[in-house]
Every structure is written in structure tokens, then in C-alpha cells.
């Protein structure tokens, strides 16, 4: 397990480097495979109007897959903490998908349980139910794609109070999704014709 900590347009102190290595390293202990490499890039935005100027970017490469997290917080240690928690959650999700695939393929037999490194036995059905609960589709909503212009779609997204709105463009008949951007303003995803 290798962790590289670097600064983008800033100098990383030894204390910050050690803190990032410890937090990200603890999150990576969920995966017991080699090679597992992590790159941590720390940066501070200089604009005083930005409320969350400290940024922690973590990129983990493992067996052909990439886990990437970017978090912004008020101070660097908080950004590292939040990024480590998110990395831990994503690695657990990845690991359970790999375990689930192996179990379905019969790699662990028909027992339905696995042993942890500590020797404890885990029930795979309960583990998968807990970890995939946030991935369930909890509601299906049918809508009509009424033909409208971008201006009409902007009015509709504001009236509904949603973060996105799907519609059919009146002129091109393409399916479009209007969405609210995190940094302000709106974006449109258009069907390529």
C-alpha cells in the first residue's frame, strides 16, 4: 500500500502529510489486496469569497478500477477527514460488489458466509443488504415529456423546486435534461441526434 501526498500550488507540512497518510491509510485497510496505490493532492483556493477553500483530492487505483474523491472544507484537516470517510464508503461498496460476484460464482461455496481477517464469520446476505440499501430504487415516477423551449423548462424547474427537469425540445424533438449546477447557474444535457 503506497500513499503519495502532494500539494498543488502549496507546500504540504510534515504534520499535514502524516495526518493525510494516516487517515487515508486507515480507510484503505478495508481492501486487503496488493497493489493498492493512493494519490492525495491538497490545495487551497486563494479567492476570499470561496466559503470552502481547502480541497483534498484522493485517487486510488486498484486492479484496473479507480476510486476518486474530491472534498472541499473550511480547513485542510476537515477536508482530509471527509475525503477519508467517503473513500472508506466507496471502497466498502467496491469490496462488497466483488464479494457478491464471487459468491454468485460459487467461490465461497454455498455457506453464505465469509471469515474476516479477525476470524469472525459474517453473513453475506445481511452484509449485502446493509451496504446496498442506499442503492435501491425507492420510487418510480412516470412523466410526460412535453415539448417546450429552454426558457419554459427554466420556469418549470423553478416552479417544481427540483435539481433537474427532463423535457423534449420543441424545435429539435431531442430529449433534454436541465439541471441546477453546484457552482450556480444551470446546465443542459441534450440527446445527440
Protein backbone atom coordinates (compact mmCIF):
# COMPACT_ATOMS: atom_id res chain seq x y z
CA UNK A 1 0.00 0.00 0.00
CA UNK A 2 1.59 3.24 -1.17
CA UNK A 3 0.22 6.71 -0.39
CA UNK A 4 1.61 9.78 -2.14
CA UNK A 5 0.72 13.19 -0.67
CA UNK A 6 1.37 16.27 -2.77
CA UNK A 7 0.36 19.91 -2.74
CA UNK A 8 -0.98 21.87 -5.69
CA UNK A 9 0.42 25.41 -5.54
CA UNK A 10 1.10 24.96 -1.82
CA UNK A 11 3.67 23.39 0.46
CA UNK A 12 2.49 20.38 2.44
CA UNK A 13 3.77 20.39 6.02
CA UNK A 14 5.00 17.20 7.68
CA UNK A 15 2.05 17.25 10.10
CA UNK A 16 -0.47 17.54 7.26
CA UNK A 17 1.31 14.82 5.25
CA UNK A 18 1.35 12.46 8.24
CA UNK A 19 -2.33 13.17 9.01
CA UNK A 20 -3.38 12.51 5.39
CA UNK A 21 -1.33 9.29 5.21
CA UNK A 22 -2.84 8.06 8.47
CA UNK A 23 -6.47 8.88 7.61
CA UNK A 24 -6.38 7.64 4.01
CA UNK A 25 -4.30 4.62 5.05
CA UNK A 26 -6.90 3.64 7.66
CA UNK A 27 -9.64 3.92 5.04
CA UNK A 28 -7.63 1.76 2.63
CA UNK A 29 -7.25 -1.05 5.19
CA UNK A 30 -10.72 -2.22 4.15
CA UNK A 31 -9.10 -3.59 0.99
CA UNK A 32 -6.62 -6.36 1.66
CA UNK A 33 -5.16 -6.56 -1.85
CA UNK A 34 -1.92 -5.54 -3.47
CA UNK A 35 -1.11 -3.34 -5.29
CA UNK A 36 -3.21 -0.55 -3.84
CA UNK A 37 -1.88 2.93 -4.54
CA UNK A 38 -3.34 6.25 -3.45
CA UNK A 39 -2.55 9.76 -4.58
CA UNK A 40 -3.62 12.59 -2.29
CA UNK A 41 -3.49 16.12 -3.69
CA UNK A 42 -4.08 19.01 -1.30
CA UNK A 43 -4.77 22.58 -2.43
CA UNK A 44 -6.11 25.86 -1.08
CA UNK A 45 -8.17 28.23 -3.23
CA UNK A 46 -6.93 31.80 -2.81
CA UNK A 47 -10.21 33.58 -3.56
CA UNK A 48 -11.54 35.01 -0.25
CA UNK A 49 -15.15 34.76 -1.41
CA UNK A 50 -14.99 30.94 -1.53
CA UNK A 51 -16.55 29.54 1.65
CA UNK A 52 -14.76 26.17 1.48
CA UNK A 53 -11.25 26.91 0.21
CA UNK A 54 -9.38 23.73 1.30
CA UNK A 55 -9.53 20.86 -1.18
CA UNK A 56 -8.48 17.24 -0.69
CA UNK A 57 -8.46 15.03 -3.80
CA UNK A 58 -7.89 11.29 -3.38
CA UNK A 59 -7.35 8.89 -6.28
CA UNK A 60 -6.97 5.17 -5.55
CA UNK A 61 -6.03 2.68 -8.24
CA UNK A 62 -6.79 -0.97 -7.59
CA UNK A 63 -6.82 -3.81 -10.11
CA UNK A 64 -7.99 -1.81 -13.07
CA UNK A 65 -10.52 0.29 -11.14
CA UNK A 66 -10.23 3.88 -9.98
CA UNK A 67 -11.85 5.35 -6.88
CA UNK A 68 -11.79 9.16 -6.87
CA UNK A 69 -12.97 11.56 -4.19
CA UNK A 70 -12.75 15.35 -4.04
CA UNK A 71 -13.85 17.21 -0.92
CA UNK A 72 -13.87 20.91 -0.05
CA UNK A 73 -13.98 22.12 3.55
CA UNK A 74 -13.18 25.16 5.72
CA UNK A 75 -9.80 23.76 6.87
CA UNK A 76 -7.45 21.13 5.44
CA UNK A 77 -7.80 18.61 8.28
CA UNK A 78 -11.60 18.61 7.90
CA UNK A 79 -11.26 18.12 4.14
CA UNK A 80 -8.96 15.14 4.73
CA UNK A 81 -11.39 13.66 7.29
CA UNK A 82 -14.41 13.95 4.98
CA UNK A 83 -12.45 12.59 1.99
CA UNK A 84 -11.21 9.61 4.06
CA UNK A 85 -14.77 8.79 5.17
CA UNK A 86 -16.00 8.95 1.57
CA UNK A 87 -13.09 6.78 0.37
CA UNK A 88 -13.91 4.23 3.07
CA UNK A 89 -17.55 4.10 1.97
CA UNK A 90 -16.65 3.71 -1.71
CA UNK A 91 -14.06 1.01 -1.03
CA UNK A 92 -16.56 -0.93 1.09
CA UNK A 93 -19.10 -0.67 -1.70
CA UNK A 94 -16.50 -1.87 -4.23
CA UNK A 95 -15.43 -4.74 -1.97
CA UNK A 96 -18.98 -5.94 -1.40
CA UNK A 97 -19.62 -5.94 -5.14
CA UNK A 98 -16.50 -8.07 -5.67
CA UNK A 99 -17.52 -10.41 -2.82
CA UNK A 100 -21.06 -10.62 -4.16
CA UNK A 101 -19.78 -11.52 -7.63
CA UNK A 102 -17.52 -14.24 -6.20
CA UNK A 103 -20.31 -15.65 -4.05
CA UNK A 104 -22.68 -15.81 -7.00
CA UNK A 105 -19.97 -17.55 -8.99
CA UNK A 106 -19.58 -20.10 -6.20
CA UNK A 107 -16.14 -19.01 -4.98
CA UNK A 108 -17.13 -19.41 -1.32
CA UNK A 109 -19.40 -22.40 -1.76
CA UNK A 110 -22.99 -22.50 -0.55
CA UNK A 111 -22.30 -21.44 3.04
CA UNK A 112 -23.42 -17.82 2.53
CA UNK A 113 -20.81 -16.56 4.99
CA UNK A 114 -17.19 -15.46 4.96
CA UNK A 115 -14.48 -15.14 7.55
CA UNK A 116 -12.89 -11.77 8.26
CA UNK A 117 -9.18 -11.31 8.95
CA UNK A 118 -10.05 -11.26 12.66
CA UNK A 119 -11.68 -14.71 12.35
CA UNK A 120 -15.28 -13.50 12.73
CA UNK A 121 -17.91 -15.04 10.48
CA UNK A 122 -20.13 -12.67 8.54
CA UNK A 123 -23.49 -13.46 6.96
CA UNK A 124 -23.19 -12.29 3.34
CA UNK A 125 -26.92 -11.75 2.86
CA UNK A 126 -27.05 -9.37 5.84
CA UNK A 127 -23.84 -7.65 4.75
CA UNK A 128 -25.09 -7.09 1.21
CA UNK A 129 -28.48 -5.87 2.45
CA UNK A 130 -26.83 -3.30 4.74
CA UNK A 131 -24.36 -1.99 2.17
CA UNK A 132 -26.68 -1.89 -0.83
CA UNK A 133 -29.63 -0.30 0.99
CA UNK A 134 -28.62 3.16 -0.28
CA UNK A 135 -28.52 1.90 -3.90
CA UNK A 136 -32.15 0.80 -4.08
CA UNK A 137 -34.67 2.48 -6.33
CA UNK A 138 -37.26 3.63 -3.81
CA UNK A 139 -39.64 5.43 -6.14
CA UNK A 140 -40.58 5.30 -9.80
CA UNK A 141 -42.27 8.33 -11.29
CA UNK A 142 -43.75 8.46 -14.77
CA UNK A 143 -43.70 11.81 -16.55
CA UNK A 144 -44.78 13.17 -19.89
CA UNK A 145 -42.03 14.73 -21.96
CA UNK A 146 -43.95 17.79 -23.01
CA UNK A 147 -42.38 19.69 -25.89
CA UNK A 148 -41.10 23.06 -24.64
CA UNK A 149 -38.33 25.62 -25.03
CA UNK A 150 -35.34 26.11 -22.71
CA UNK A 151 -36.99 29.17 -21.19
CA UNK A 152 -40.15 27.22 -20.38
CA UNK A 153 -38.04 24.43 -18.85
CA UNK A 154 -36.24 27.01 -16.65
CA UNK A 155 -39.61 28.21 -15.39
CA UNK A 156 -40.73 24.63 -14.70
CA UNK A 157 -37.57 23.69 -12.75
CA UNK A 158 -38.04 26.75 -10.53
CA UNK A 159 -41.74 26.07 -10.03
CA UNK A 160 -41.11 22.43 -9.09
CA UNK A 161 -38.10 23.18 -6.88
CA UNK A 162 -36.21 20.16 -8.27
CA UNK A 163 -32.49 19.93 -9.06
CA UNK A 164 -33.25 18.66 -12.55
CA UNK A 165 -36.06 18.66 -15.11
CA UNK A 166 -36.47 16.41 -18.18
CA UNK A 167 -38.31 17.60 -21.28
CA UNK A 168 -38.45 17.33 -25.07
CA UNK A 169 -37.04 20.30 -27.01
CA UNK A 170 -39.82 21.81 -29.08
CA UNK A 171 -37.57 22.69 -32.05
CA UNK A 172 -35.30 19.63 -32.32
CA UNK A 173 -37.50 16.99 -30.61
CA UNK A 174 -34.42 15.88 -28.63
CA UNK A 175 -34.75 14.68 -25.05
CA UNK A 176 -33.08 17.20 -22.72
CA UNK A 177 -32.31 17.29 -19.01
CA UNK A 178 -31.98 20.70 -17.39
CA UNK A 179 -30.04 20.60 -14.10
CA UNK A 180 -29.01 23.02 -11.39
CA UNK A 181 -25.19 23.32 -11.08
CA UNK A 182 -23.42 23.29 -7.70
CA UNK A 183 -21.47 26.43 -8.59
CA UNK A 184 -24.61 28.31 -9.64
CA UNK A 185 -26.49 28.52 -12.89
CA UNK A 186 -27.94 25.69 -14.95
CA UNK A 187 -26.68 23.06 -17.35
CA UNK A 188 -28.44 21.12 -20.11
CA UNK A 189 -27.83 17.55 -21.23
CA UNK A 190 -29.11 17.12 -24.78
CA UNK A 191 -29.76 13.94 -26.71
CA UNK A 192 -27.36 13.65 -29.62
CA UNK A 193 -29.34 13.31 -32.83
